[in-house]
Amino acid sequence: MKRALVLGCVAVLFCAAAHGVLLPVANGGFESGTTDWTLNLLGAGSTMVSSADSPLSGRFSGKFETNWQGGGGVKAEIMQTVTGLTGGTAYDFDLWVKGKMGPGGVAWAEIKWFNASNIQIGGTGLINLFAGLSSSTYQQKGGTYTTPAGTAIGQVSIRLEGGALAAYNILYVDDVCIPEPTSLALLGLGGLFLRRR
């Protein structure tokens, strides 16, 4: 029994190590409102707030809305600059989303990589958040991304774009770069068991 538990703990630790380092995003659950995020709201009917409407975990999630009211398209975007990164490192950038897109509505996430001189040297490209989007069930998006040599800074962007059509769009985002509770619990149990040994 003890041997099986040890092997299980080793397997969990190995799986955790097989993924990248968690990108150190602050306030990824929006429990502190929009602290640590920069809001970039463009166009009438464009909002982003920390909302208790429908969190995945905790008490809050990020709630993006665009409601086209004429003129050009609208966009609700949040951004965060993450420092202390290193080049050639695999970083996990995971987030959970749900919502509903009207005609022309799209949602993206993106990370741009910068060197210590604040010169962009790469990026993840657009990460599609709206493909297969559910209005009732959160889905995990993102993945593991390796930084180019010389990376020191990452600029994270999450945005909902309303297009130029008369449509209402809503996107809930939660647990940005927050480990899954099951993984945390298993790692904690593994560490506790190994310590007792």
N, C-alpha and C. Protein backbone atom coordinates (compact mmCIF):
# COMPACT_ATOMS: atom_id res chain seq x y z
N MET A 1 0.83 -1.20 0.00
CA MET A 1 0.00 0.00 0.00
C MET A 1 0.87 1.25 0.00
N LYS A 2 1.89 1.27 0.90
CA LYS A 2 2.77 2.44 0.98
C LYS A 2 3.54 2.62 -0.32
N ARG A 3 3.97 1.50 -0.90
CA ARG A 3 4.71 1.58 -2.16
C ARG A 3 3.83 2.15 -3.26
N ALA A 4 2.57 1.73 -3.32
CA ALA A 4 1.64 2.24 -4.33
C ALA A 4 1.41 3.73 -4.15
N LEU A 5 1.30 4.15 -2.88
CA LEU A 5 1.09 5.58 -2.60
C LEU A 5 2.30 6.39 -3.02
N VAL A 6 3.51 5.87 -2.73
CA VAL A 6 4.72 6.56 -3.12
C VAL A 6 4.79 6.67 -4.64
N LEU A 7 4.50 5.58 -5.34
CA LEU A 7 4.52 5.61 -6.81
C LEU A 7 3.50 6.58 -7.35
N GLY A 8 2.32 6.63 -6.71
CA GLY A 8 1.29 7.58 -7.14
C GLY A 8 1.75 9.01 -6.95
N CYS A 9 2.38 9.29 -5.81
CA CYS A 9 2.89 10.65 -5.55
C CYS A 9 3.97 11.02 -6.55
N VAL A 10 4.86 10.05 -6.85
CA VAL A 10 5.91 10.31 -7.83
C VAL A 10 5.30 10.59 -9.19
N ALA A 11 4.25 9.85 -9.56
CA ALA A 11 3.59 10.06 -10.84
C ALA A 11 2.97 11.45 -10.91
N VAL A 12 2.33 11.87 -9.82
CA VAL A 12 1.73 13.20 -9.80
C VAL A 12 2.80 14.27 -9.93
N LEU A 13 3.90 14.12 -9.19
CA LEU A 13 4.99 15.08 -9.27
C LEU A 13 5.60 15.10 -10.66
N PHE A 14 5.73 13.90 -11.29
CA PHE A 14 6.28 13.83 -12.63
C PHE A 14 5.37 14.53 -13.62
N CYS A 15 4.05 14.33 -13.51
CA CYS A 15 3.09 14.97 -14.41
C CYS A 15 3.16 16.48 -14.25
N ALA A 16 3.28 16.94 -13.01
CA ALA A 16 3.37 18.38 -12.77
C ALA A 16 4.64 18.94 -13.41
N ALA A 17 5.73 18.17 -13.31
CA ALA A 17 6.99 18.64 -13.87
C ALA A 17 6.99 18.57 -15.38
N ALA A 18 6.17 17.65 -15.97
CA ALA A 18 6.13 17.49 -17.41
C ALA A 18 5.53 18.71 -18.09
N HIS A 19 4.70 19.44 -17.38
CA HIS A 19 4.16 20.68 -17.90
C HIS A 19 5.17 21.79 -17.63
N GLY A 20 4.81 23.00 -18.07
CA GLY A 20 5.72 24.11 -17.85
C GLY A 20 5.56 24.72 -16.47
N VAL A 21 6.33 25.78 -16.27
CA VAL A 21 6.23 26.59 -15.06
C VAL A 21 4.99 27.46 -15.19
N LEU A 22 4.23 27.58 -14.13
CA LEU A 22 3.02 28.40 -14.19
C LEU A 22 3.39 29.87 -14.37
N LEU A 23 2.83 30.50 -15.40
CA LEU A 23 3.09 31.92 -15.63
C LEU A 23 2.59 32.70 -14.42
N PRO A 24 3.44 33.55 -13.81
CA PRO A 24 3.06 34.20 -12.54
C PRO A 24 2.12 35.40 -12.72
N VAL A 25 0.89 35.10 -13.12
CA VAL A 25 -0.14 36.13 -13.26
C VAL A 25 -0.74 36.42 -11.89
N ALA A 26 -0.92 37.71 -11.57
CA ALA A 26 -1.50 38.11 -10.29
C ALA A 26 -3.01 38.29 -10.42
N ASN A 27 -3.72 37.95 -9.35
CA ASN A 27 -5.18 38.12 -9.29
C ASN A 27 -5.89 37.45 -10.47
N GLY A 28 -5.50 36.23 -10.75
CA GLY A 28 -6.08 35.49 -11.87
C GLY A 28 -7.50 35.03 -11.63
N GLY A 29 -7.97 35.12 -10.37
CA GLY A 29 -9.35 34.74 -10.07
C GLY A 29 -10.27 35.93 -9.90
N PHE A 30 -9.71 37.14 -10.06
CA PHE A 30 -10.48 38.39 -9.95
C PHE A 30 -11.14 38.53 -8.58
N GLU A 31 -10.54 37.90 -7.56
CA GLU A 31 -11.08 38.02 -6.20
C GLU A 31 -10.80 39.40 -5.61
N SER A 32 -9.81 40.10 -6.15
CA SER A 32 -9.49 41.46 -5.71
C SER A 32 -9.94 42.48 -6.75
N GLY A 33 -11.10 42.25 -7.33
CA GLY A 33 -11.59 43.14 -8.37
C GLY A 33 -10.73 43.05 -9.61
N THR A 34 -10.38 44.19 -10.17
CA THR A 34 -9.50 44.21 -11.34
C THR A 34 -8.09 44.67 -10.98
N THR A 35 -7.76 44.60 -9.67
CA THR A 35 -6.40 44.93 -9.22
C THR A 35 -5.38 44.10 -10.01
N ASP A 36 -4.27 44.70 -10.36
CA ASP A 36 -3.17 44.09 -11.11
C ASP A 36 -3.44 44.00 -12.61
N TRP A 37 -4.65 44.32 -13.05
CA TRP A 37 -4.99 44.32 -14.47
C TRP A 37 -5.18 45.75 -14.95
N THR A 38 -4.78 46.03 -16.17
CA THR A 38 -5.04 47.31 -16.81
C THR A 38 -6.22 47.13 -17.75
N LEU A 39 -7.24 47.96 -17.60
CA LEU A 39 -8.42 47.87 -18.45
C LEU A 39 -8.25 48.73 -19.68
N ASN A 40 -8.65 48.20 -20.82
CA ASN A 40 -8.59 48.91 -22.08
C ASN A 40 -9.95 48.75 -22.74
N LEU A 41 -10.85 49.68 -22.44
CA LEU A 41 -12.22 49.59 -22.93
C LEU A 41 -12.40 50.57 -24.08
N LEU A 42 -12.75 50.06 -25.23
CA LEU A 42 -12.89 50.88 -26.41
C LEU A 42 -14.31 50.76 -26.95
N GLY A 43 -14.99 51.87 -27.07
CA GLY A 43 -16.32 51.87 -27.68
C GLY A 43 -17.43 51.86 -26.66
N ALA A 44 -18.54 52.48 -27.01
CA ALA A 44 -19.72 52.50 -26.14
C ALA A 44 -20.25 51.08 -25.95
N GLY A 45 -20.72 50.79 -24.75
CA GLY A 45 -21.27 49.47 -24.47
C GLY A 45 -20.22 48.42 -24.19
N SER A 46 -18.98 48.84 -23.89
CA SER A 46 -17.88 47.92 -23.63
C SER A 46 -17.51 47.98 -22.15
N THR A 47 -17.59 46.84 -21.45
CA THR A 47 -17.28 46.82 -20.02
C THR A 47 -16.51 45.56 -19.65
N MET A 48 -15.77 45.64 -18.55
CA MET A 48 -15.14 44.48 -17.93
C MET A 48 -15.10 44.74 -16.44
N VAL A 49 -15.69 43.82 -15.65
CA VAL A 49 -15.74 43.97 -14.20
C VAL A 49 -15.46 42.63 -13.53
N SER A 50 -15.13 42.69 -12.25
CA SER A 50 -15.09 41.49 -11.42
C SER A 50 -16.52 41.25 -10.96
N SER A 51 -17.04 40.06 -11.25
CA SER A 51 -18.47 39.80 -11.05
C SER A 51 -18.71 38.55 -10.21
N ALA A 52 -19.72 38.61 -9.35
CA ALA A 52 -20.12 37.44 -8.56
C ALA A 52 -21.21 36.64 -9.28
N ASP A 53 -21.52 36.99 -10.52
CA ASP A 53 -22.60 36.33 -11.26
C ASP A 53 -22.39 34.83 -11.43
N SER A 54 -21.18 34.45 -11.88
CA SER A 54 -21.00 33.06 -12.30
C SER A 54 -19.53 32.64 -12.21
N PRO A 55 -18.96 32.59 -11.00
CA PRO A 55 -17.55 32.19 -10.89
C PRO A 55 -17.34 30.69 -11.08
N LEU A 56 -16.18 30.33 -11.58
CA LEU A 56 -15.80 28.92 -11.64
C LEU A 56 -15.36 28.45 -10.27
N SER A 57 -14.57 29.27 -9.59
CA SER A 57 -14.13 28.98 -8.23
C SER A 57 -14.06 30.31 -7.48
N GLY A 58 -13.95 30.25 -6.18
CA GLY A 58 -13.94 31.49 -5.40
C GLY A 58 -15.28 32.19 -5.48
N ARG A 59 -15.26 33.51 -5.28
CA ARG A 59 -16.51 34.27 -5.28
C ARG A 59 -16.72 35.12 -6.52
N PHE A 60 -15.65 35.27 -7.35
CA PHE A 60 -15.74 36.19 -8.48
C PHE A 60 -15.10 35.60 -9.73
N SER A 61 -15.46 36.18 -10.85
CA SER A 61 -14.81 35.91 -12.13
C SER A 61 -14.75 37.23 -12.89
N GLY A 62 -13.98 37.27 -13.96
CA GLY A 62 -13.97 38.45 -14.81
C GLY A 62 -15.13 38.36 -15.79
N LYS A 63 -15.87 39.46 -15.94
CA LYS A 63 -17.03 39.48 -16.82
C LYS A 63 -16.83 40.57 -17.88
N PHE A 64 -16.70 40.14 -19.13
CA PHE A 64 -16.53 41.05 -20.26
C PHE A 64 -17.86 41.17 -21.00
N GLU A 65 -18.19 42.36 -21.42
CA GLU A 65 -19.39 42.56 -22.24
C GLU A 65 -19.09 43.59 -23.32
N THR A 66 -19.59 43.33 -24.51
CA THR A 66 -19.61 44.36 -25.55
C THR A 66 -21.03 44.41 -26.10
N ASN A 67 -21.51 45.61 -26.32
CA ASN A 67 -22.87 45.83 -26.84
C ASN A 67 -22.78 46.92 -27.90
N TRP A 68 -22.64 46.49 -29.12
CA TRP A 68 -22.43 47.41 -30.24
C TRP A 68 -23.55 48.43 -30.33
N GLN A 69 -23.18 49.71 -30.43
CA GLN A 69 -24.18 50.78 -30.47
C GLN A 69 -23.96 51.71 -31.65
N GLY A 70 -23.32 51.24 -32.67
CA GLY A 70 -23.08 52.05 -33.86
C GLY A 70 -21.62 52.42 -34.00
N GLY A 71 -21.25 52.87 -35.19
CA GLY A 71 -19.86 53.22 -35.44
C GLY A 71 -19.01 51.99 -35.66
N GLY A 72 -17.75 52.06 -35.26
CA GLY A 72 -16.85 50.93 -35.45
C GLY A 72 -17.09 49.84 -34.42
N GLY A 73 -16.28 48.81 -34.49
CA GLY A 73 -16.40 47.71 -33.54
C GLY A 73 -15.98 48.14 -32.14
N VAL A 74 -16.33 47.33 -31.15
CA VAL A 74 -15.98 47.64 -29.76
C VAL A 74 -15.11 46.53 -29.21
N LYS A 75 -14.39 46.86 -28.15
CA LYS A 75 -13.48 45.88 -27.55
C LYS A 75 -13.40 46.13 -26.05
N ALA A 76 -13.42 45.05 -25.28
CA ALA A 76 -13.15 45.11 -23.85
C ALA A 76 -11.91 44.25 -23.62
N GLU A 77 -10.87 44.83 -23.07
CA GLU A 77 -9.59 44.13 -22.93
C GLU A 77 -8.99 44.40 -21.56
N ILE A 78 -8.34 43.37 -21.02
CA ILE A 78 -7.53 43.54 -19.82
C ILE A 78 -6.11 43.10 -20.15
N MET A 79 -5.15 43.77 -19.52
CA MET A 79 -3.74 43.45 -19.78
C MET A 79 -2.99 43.42 -18.46
N GLN A 80 -1.93 42.62 -18.44
CA GLN A 80 -1.07 42.56 -17.26
C GLN A 80 0.36 42.30 -17.71
N THR A 81 1.29 43.02 -17.13
CA THR A 81 2.71 42.81 -17.41
C THR A 81 3.30 41.91 -16.33
N VAL A 82 3.92 40.83 -16.77
CA VAL A 82 4.52 39.83 -15.88
C VAL A 82 6.03 39.90 -16.03
N THR A 83 6.74 40.09 -14.92
CA THR A 83 8.19 40.24 -14.97
C THR A 83 8.90 39.02 -14.36
N GLY A 84 10.21 39.01 -14.46
CA GLY A 84 11.01 37.93 -13.87
C GLY A 84 11.01 36.66 -14.68
N LEU A 85 10.70 36.74 -15.97
CA LEU A 85 10.67 35.54 -16.82
C LEU A 85 12.07 35.26 -17.36
N THR A 86 12.25 34.04 -17.85
CA THR A 86 13.54 33.66 -18.44
C THR A 86 13.30 33.04 -19.81
N GLY A 87 14.28 33.23 -20.69
CA GLY A 87 14.20 32.68 -22.03
C GLY A 87 14.36 31.17 -22.05
N GLY A 88 13.81 30.54 -23.08
CA GLY A 88 13.92 29.10 -23.24
C GLY A 88 13.19 28.32 -22.17
N THR A 89 12.16 28.93 -21.57
CA THR A 89 11.40 28.28 -20.50
C THR A 89 9.97 28.03 -20.97
N ALA A 90 9.44 26.85 -20.66
CA ALA A 90 8.06 26.52 -20.98
C ALA A 90 7.16 27.02 -19.86
N TYR A 91 6.26 27.94 -20.19
CA TYR A 91 5.33 28.51 -19.21
C TYR A 91 3.91 28.05 -19.52
N ASP A 92 3.21 27.63 -18.46
CA ASP A 92 1.80 27.27 -18.60
C ASP A 92 0.95 28.52 -18.47
N PHE A 93 0.10 28.75 -19.45
CA PHE A 93 -0.86 29.85 -19.42
C PHE A 93 -2.24 29.24 -19.68
N ASP A 94 -2.96 28.99 -18.60
CA ASP A 94 -4.28 28.38 -18.71
C ASP A 94 -5.32 29.33 -18.13
N LEU A 95 -6.50 29.32 -18.73
CA LEU A 95 -7.62 30.11 -18.23
C LEU A 95 -8.90 29.38 -18.59
N TRP A 96 -9.96 29.71 -17.87
CA TRP A 96 -11.26 29.06 -18.06
C TRP A 96 -12.26 30.10 -18.53
N VAL A 97 -13.05 29.74 -19.55
CA VAL A 97 -13.98 30.71 -20.14
C VAL A 97 -15.34 30.08 -20.40
N LYS A 98 -16.36 30.92 -20.39
CA LYS A 98 -17.68 30.57 -20.89
C LYS A 98 -18.36 31.85 -21.33
N GLY A 99 -19.41 31.75 -22.11
CA GLY A 99 -20.09 32.95 -22.56
C GLY A 99 -20.89 32.71 -23.81
N LYS A 100 -21.25 33.80 -24.45
CA LYS A 100 -22.08 33.72 -25.66
C LYS A 100 -21.70 34.86 -26.60
N MET A 101 -21.41 34.49 -27.84
CA MET A 101 -21.04 35.46 -28.85
C MET A 101 -22.21 35.71 -29.79
N GLY A 102 -22.48 36.99 -30.04
CA GLY A 102 -23.42 37.35 -31.09
C GLY A 102 -22.71 37.37 -32.43
N PRO A 103 -23.41 37.73 -33.50
CA PRO A 103 -22.76 37.81 -34.82
C PRO A 103 -21.55 38.74 -34.79
N GLY A 104 -20.44 38.24 -35.25
CA GLY A 104 -19.22 39.04 -35.31
C GLY A 104 -18.42 39.08 -34.02
N GLY A 105 -18.93 38.48 -32.95
CA GLY A 105 -18.22 38.50 -31.68
C GLY A 105 -17.11 37.48 -31.64
N VAL A 106 -15.95 37.88 -31.15
CA VAL A 106 -14.81 36.97 -31.00
C VAL A 106 -14.10 37.28 -29.68
N ALA A 107 -13.32 36.34 -29.18
CA ALA A 107 -12.57 36.54 -27.94
C ALA A 107 -11.20 35.89 -28.09
N TRP A 108 -10.18 36.59 -27.59
CA TRP A 108 -8.81 36.13 -27.76
C TRP A 108 -8.04 36.31 -26.46
N ALA A 109 -6.98 35.54 -26.31
CA ALA A 109 -5.94 35.80 -25.33
C ALA A 109 -4.63 35.80 -26.10
N GLU A 110 -3.63 36.45 -25.54
CA GLU A 110 -2.34 36.54 -26.22
C GLU A 110 -1.27 36.93 -25.20
N ILE A 111 -0.07 36.44 -25.40
CA ILE A 111 1.08 36.90 -24.61
C ILE A 111 2.15 37.36 -25.58
N LYS A 112 2.66 38.56 -25.34
CA LYS A 112 3.79 39.06 -26.11
C LYS A 112 5.03 39.01 -25.21
N TRP A 113 6.13 38.51 -25.77
CA TRP A 113 7.37 38.37 -25.00
C TRP A 113 8.30 39.54 -25.30
N PHE A 114 8.91 40.11 -24.24
CA PHE A 114 9.83 41.23 -24.37
C PHE A 114 11.14 40.91 -23.67
N ASN A 115 12.23 41.52 -24.15
CA ASN A 115 13.52 41.37 -23.46
C ASN A 115 13.64 42.44 -22.37
N ALA A 116 14.78 42.47 -21.69
CA ALA A 116 14.98 43.40 -20.57
C ALA A 116 14.98 44.85 -21.02
N SER A 117 15.20 45.10 -22.32
CA SER A 117 15.16 46.47 -22.87
C SER A 117 13.76 46.84 -23.33
N ASN A 118 12.79 45.99 -23.03
CA ASN A 118 11.38 46.22 -23.37
C ASN A 118 11.14 46.22 -24.88
N ILE A 119 11.92 45.42 -25.59
CA ILE A 119 11.74 45.23 -27.03
C ILE A 119 11.05 43.90 -27.26
N GLN A 120 9.96 43.91 -28.03
CA GLN A 120 9.25 42.66 -28.27
C GLN A 120 10.10 41.71 -29.11
N ILE A 121 10.19 40.46 -28.63
CA ILE A 121 11.01 39.47 -29.34
C ILE A 121 10.20 38.22 -29.72
N GLY A 122 8.90 38.26 -29.49
CA GLY A 122 8.07 37.12 -29.87
C GLY A 122 6.71 37.18 -29.21
N GLY A 123 5.97 36.10 -29.36
CA GLY A 123 4.65 36.04 -28.75
C GLY A 123 3.97 34.72 -29.04
N THR A 124 2.86 34.49 -28.37
CA THR A 124 2.13 33.24 -28.55
C THR A 124 1.25 33.27 -29.79
N GLY A 125 0.98 34.46 -30.32
CA GLY A 125 -0.07 34.57 -31.34
C GLY A 125 -1.42 34.55 -30.64
N LEU A 126 -2.47 34.70 -31.41
CA LEU A 126 -3.82 34.77 -30.83
C LEU A 126 -4.27 33.38 -30.36
N ILE A 127 -4.75 33.32 -29.13
CA ILE A 127 -5.29 32.08 -28.56
C ILE A 127 -6.81 32.20 -28.62
N ASN A 128 -7.45 31.34 -29.39
CA ASN A 128 -8.89 31.43 -29.63
C ASN A 128 -9.67 31.02 -28.38
N LEU A 129 -10.46 31.94 -27.84
CA LEU A 129 -11.28 31.65 -26.67
C LEU A 129 -12.74 31.39 -27.01
N PHE A 130 -13.14 31.66 -28.26
CA PHE A 130 -14.56 31.59 -28.59
C PHE A 130 -14.97 30.35 -29.37
N ALA A 131 -14.03 29.59 -29.89
CA ALA A 131 -14.39 28.38 -30.62
C ALA A 131 -15.03 27.37 -29.67
N GLY A 132 -16.23 26.93 -29.98
CA GLY A 132 -16.92 25.96 -29.14
C GLY A 132 -17.35 26.50 -27.79
N LEU A 133 -17.41 27.81 -27.67
CA LEU A 133 -17.74 28.45 -26.39
C LEU A 133 -19.12 28.02 -25.90
N SER A 134 -19.21 27.68 -24.62
CA SER A 134 -20.48 27.28 -24.00
C SER A 134 -21.00 28.42 -23.13
N SER A 135 -22.31 28.61 -23.13
CA SER A 135 -22.89 29.64 -22.27
C SER A 135 -23.13 29.13 -20.86
N SER A 136 -22.99 27.82 -20.64
CA SER A 136 -23.32 27.26 -19.33
C SER A 136 -22.15 26.57 -18.63
N THR A 137 -21.14 26.14 -19.37
CA THR A 137 -20.06 25.35 -18.80
C THR A 137 -18.70 25.97 -19.11
N TYR A 138 -17.88 26.15 -18.09
CA TYR A 138 -16.53 26.66 -18.30
C TYR A 138 -15.68 25.64 -19.05
N GLN A 139 -14.85 26.14 -19.95
CA GLN A 139 -13.91 25.31 -20.70
C GLN A 139 -12.51 25.87 -20.52
N GLN A 140 -11.54 24.97 -20.47
CA GLN A 140 -10.15 25.41 -20.30
C GLN A 140 -9.53 25.74 -21.65
N LYS A 141 -8.84 26.86 -21.70
CA LYS A 141 -8.13 27.29 -22.90
C LYS A 141 -6.69 27.58 -22.53
N GLY A 142 -5.87 27.85 -23.55
CA GLY A 142 -4.47 28.16 -23.31
C GLY A 142 -3.59 26.96 -23.57
N GLY A 143 -2.45 26.90 -22.89
CA GLY A 143 -1.52 25.80 -23.10
C GLY A 143 -0.16 26.14 -22.54
N THR A 144 0.86 25.45 -23.04
CA THR A 144 2.24 25.65 -22.62
C THR A 144 3.00 26.32 -23.75
N TYR A 145 3.68 27.40 -23.41
CA TYR A 145 4.36 28.22 -24.43
C TYR A 145 5.80 28.46 -23.99
N THR A 146 6.74 28.22 -24.91
CA THR A 146 8.16 28.38 -24.60
C THR A 146 8.64 29.76 -25.03
N THR A 147 9.30 30.46 -24.11
CA THR A 147 9.78 31.81 -24.38
C THR A 147 11.03 31.78 -25.24
N PRO A 148 11.17 32.78 -26.12
CA PRO A 148 12.42 32.87 -26.89
C PRO A 148 13.58 33.31 -26.01
N ALA A 149 14.78 33.07 -26.47
CA ALA A 149 15.98 33.47 -25.72
C ALA A 149 15.94 34.97 -25.45
N GLY A 150 16.31 35.34 -24.23
CA GLY A 150 16.34 36.74 -23.86
C GLY A 150 15.06 37.28 -23.25
N THR A 151 14.05 36.45 -23.14
CA THR A 151 12.78 36.91 -22.58
C THR A 151 12.93 37.28 -21.11
N ALA A 152 12.39 38.44 -20.73
CA ALA A 152 12.39 38.88 -19.34
C ALA A 152 11.00 39.30 -18.88
N ILE A 153 10.15 39.65 -19.84
CA ILE A 153 8.83 40.22 -19.54
C ILE A 153 7.78 39.59 -20.45
N GLY A 154 6.59 39.40 -19.91
CA GLY A 154 5.46 38.96 -20.72
C GLY A 154 4.31 39.93 -20.56
N GLN A 155 3.65 40.28 -21.66
CA GLN A 155 2.47 41.13 -21.60
C GLN A 155 1.26 40.28 -21.97
N VAL A 156 0.41 40.03 -20.97
CA VAL A 156 -0.78 39.19 -21.16
C VAL A 156 -1.95 40.07 -21.57
N SER A 157 -2.69 39.62 -22.56
CA SER A 157 -3.90 40.32 -23.00
C SER A 157 -5.04 39.31 -23.10
N ILE A 158 -6.19 39.67 -22.55
CA ILE A 158 -7.42 38.88 -22.71
C ILE A 158 -8.48 39.86 -23.19
N ARG A 159 -9.14 39.56 -24.30
CA ARG A 159 -10.08 40.53 -24.84
C ARG A 159 -11.28 39.90 -25.54
N LEU A 160 -12.34 40.66 -25.48
CA LEU A 160 -13.59 40.35 -26.18
C LEU A 160 -13.79 41.45 -27.20
N GLU A 161 -13.99 41.05 -28.46
CA GLU A 161 -14.19 42.03 -29.52
C GLU A 161 -15.59 41.86 -30.10
N GLY A 162 -16.28 42.97 -30.23
CA GLY A 162 -17.67 42.91 -30.67
C GLY A 162 -17.88 42.96 -32.16
N GLY A 163 -16.82 43.15 -32.93
CA GLY A 163 -17.00 43.27 -34.36
C GLY A 163 -17.73 44.55 -34.70
N ALA A 164 -18.28 44.63 -35.88
CA ALA A 164 -18.99 45.84 -36.31
C ALA A 164 -20.45 45.50 -36.62
N LEU A 165 -20.96 44.53 -35.92
CA LEU A 165 -22.35 44.13 -36.14
C LEU A 165 -23.16 44.42 -34.89
N ALA A 166 -24.43 44.62 -35.04
CA ALA A 166 -25.31 44.92 -33.91
C ALA A 166 -25.52 43.64 -33.10
N ALA A 167 -24.65 43.42 -32.13
CA ALA A 167 -24.73 42.18 -31.37
C ALA A 167 -24.24 42.40 -29.95
N TYR A 168 -24.81 41.60 -29.04
CA TYR A 168 -24.40 41.61 -27.64
C TYR A 168 -23.52 40.38 -27.42
N ASN A 169 -22.37 40.58 -26.78
CA ASN A 169 -21.44 39.49 -26.50
C ASN A 169 -21.07 39.51 -25.03
N ILE A 170 -20.93 38.32 -24.44
CA ILE A 170 -20.54 38.23 -23.04
C ILE A 170 -19.53 37.10 -22.86
N LEU A 171 -18.53 37.34 -22.04
CA LEU A 171 -17.48 36.36 -21.79
C LEU A 171 -17.12 36.39 -20.31
N TYR A 172 -17.18 35.23 -19.66
CA TYR A 172 -16.70 35.08 -18.29
C TYR A 172 -15.33 34.42 -18.34
N VAL A 173 -14.39 34.94 -17.57
CA VAL A 173 -13.03 34.39 -17.49
C VAL A 173 -12.69 34.18 -16.02
N ASP A 174 -12.11 33.02 -15.70
CA ASP A 174 -11.74 32.76 -14.31
C ASP A 174 -10.50 31.89 -14.26
N ASP A 175 -9.88 31.87 -13.09
CA ASP A 175 -8.73 31.02 -12.78
C ASP A 175 -7.63 31.11 -13.84
N VAL A 176 -7.22 32.35 -14.15
CA VAL A 176 -6.12 32.56 -15.08
C VAL A 176 -4.82 32.18 -14.37
N CYS A 177 -4.18 31.13 -14.85
CA CYS A 177 -2.91 30.64 -14.28
C CYS A 177 -3.04 30.30 -12.79
N ILE A 178 -4.15 29.69 -12.43
CA ILE A 178 -4.34 29.20 -11.06
C ILE A 178 -4.38 27.67 -11.14
N PRO A 179 -3.53 26.97 -10.35
CA PRO A 179 -3.52 25.51 -10.43
C PRO A 179 -4.88 24.92 -10.08
N GLU A 180 -5.20 23.79 -10.72
CA GLU A 180 -6.46 23.12 -10.43
C GLU A 180 -6.43 22.60 -8.99
N PRO A 181 -7.55 22.71 -8.26
CA PRO A 181 -7.58 22.25 -6.86
C PRO A 181 -7.18 20.79 -6.69
N THR A 182 -7.56 19.93 -7.65
CA THR A 182 -7.21 18.50 -7.55
C THR A 182 -5.70 18.31 -7.59
N SER A 183 -5.03 19.03 -8.49
CA SER A 183 -3.57 18.91 -8.59
C SER A 183 -2.90 19.40 -7.31
N LEU A 184 -3.41 20.52 -6.79
CA LEU A 184 -2.84 21.05 -5.54
C LEU A 184 -3.00 20.06 -4.40
N ALA A 185 -4.18 19.46 -4.31
CA ALA A 185 -4.44 18.51 -3.23
C ALA A 185 -3.54 17.29 -3.34
N LEU A 186 -3.38 16.77 -4.56
CA LEU A 186 -2.53 15.59 -4.75
C LEU A 186 -1.07 15.90 -4.45
N LEU A 187 -0.63 17.07 -4.91
CA LEU A 187 0.75 17.45 -4.62
C LEU A 187 0.96 17.63 -3.12
N GLY A 188 -0.03 18.20 -2.45
CA GLY A 188 0.06 18.40 -1.00
C GLY A 188 0.13 17.08 -0.27
N LEU A 189 -0.71 16.12 -0.67
CA LEU A 189 -0.70 14.79 -0.05
C LEU A 189 0.62 14.09 -0.31
N GLY A 190 1.12 14.22 -1.55
CA GLY A 190 2.40 13.59 -1.87
C GLY A 190 3.52 14.15 -1.03
N GLY A 191 3.55 15.48 -0.90
CA GLY A 191 4.59 16.12 -0.09
C GLY A 191 4.48 15.73 1.37
N LEU A 192 3.26 15.65 1.89
CA LEU A 192 3.05 15.28 3.29
C LEU A 192 3.52 13.85 3.54
N PHE A 193 3.17 12.94 2.62
CA PHE A 193 3.57 11.54 2.79
C PHE A 193 5.08 11.40 2.74
N LEU A 194 5.69 12.07 1.75
CA LEU A 194 7.15 11.95 1.63
C LEU A 194 7.86 12.54 2.84
N ARG A 195 7.28 13.61 3.40
CA ARG A 195 7.87 14.22 4.60
C ARG A 195 7.78 13.25 5.78
N ARG A 196 6.66 12.57 5.93
CA ARG A 196 6.48 11.63 7.05
C ARG A 196 7.40 10.44 6.91
N ARG A 197 7.73 10.08 5.65
CA ARG A 197 8.65 8.95 5.43
C ARG A 197 10.01 9.32 5.96
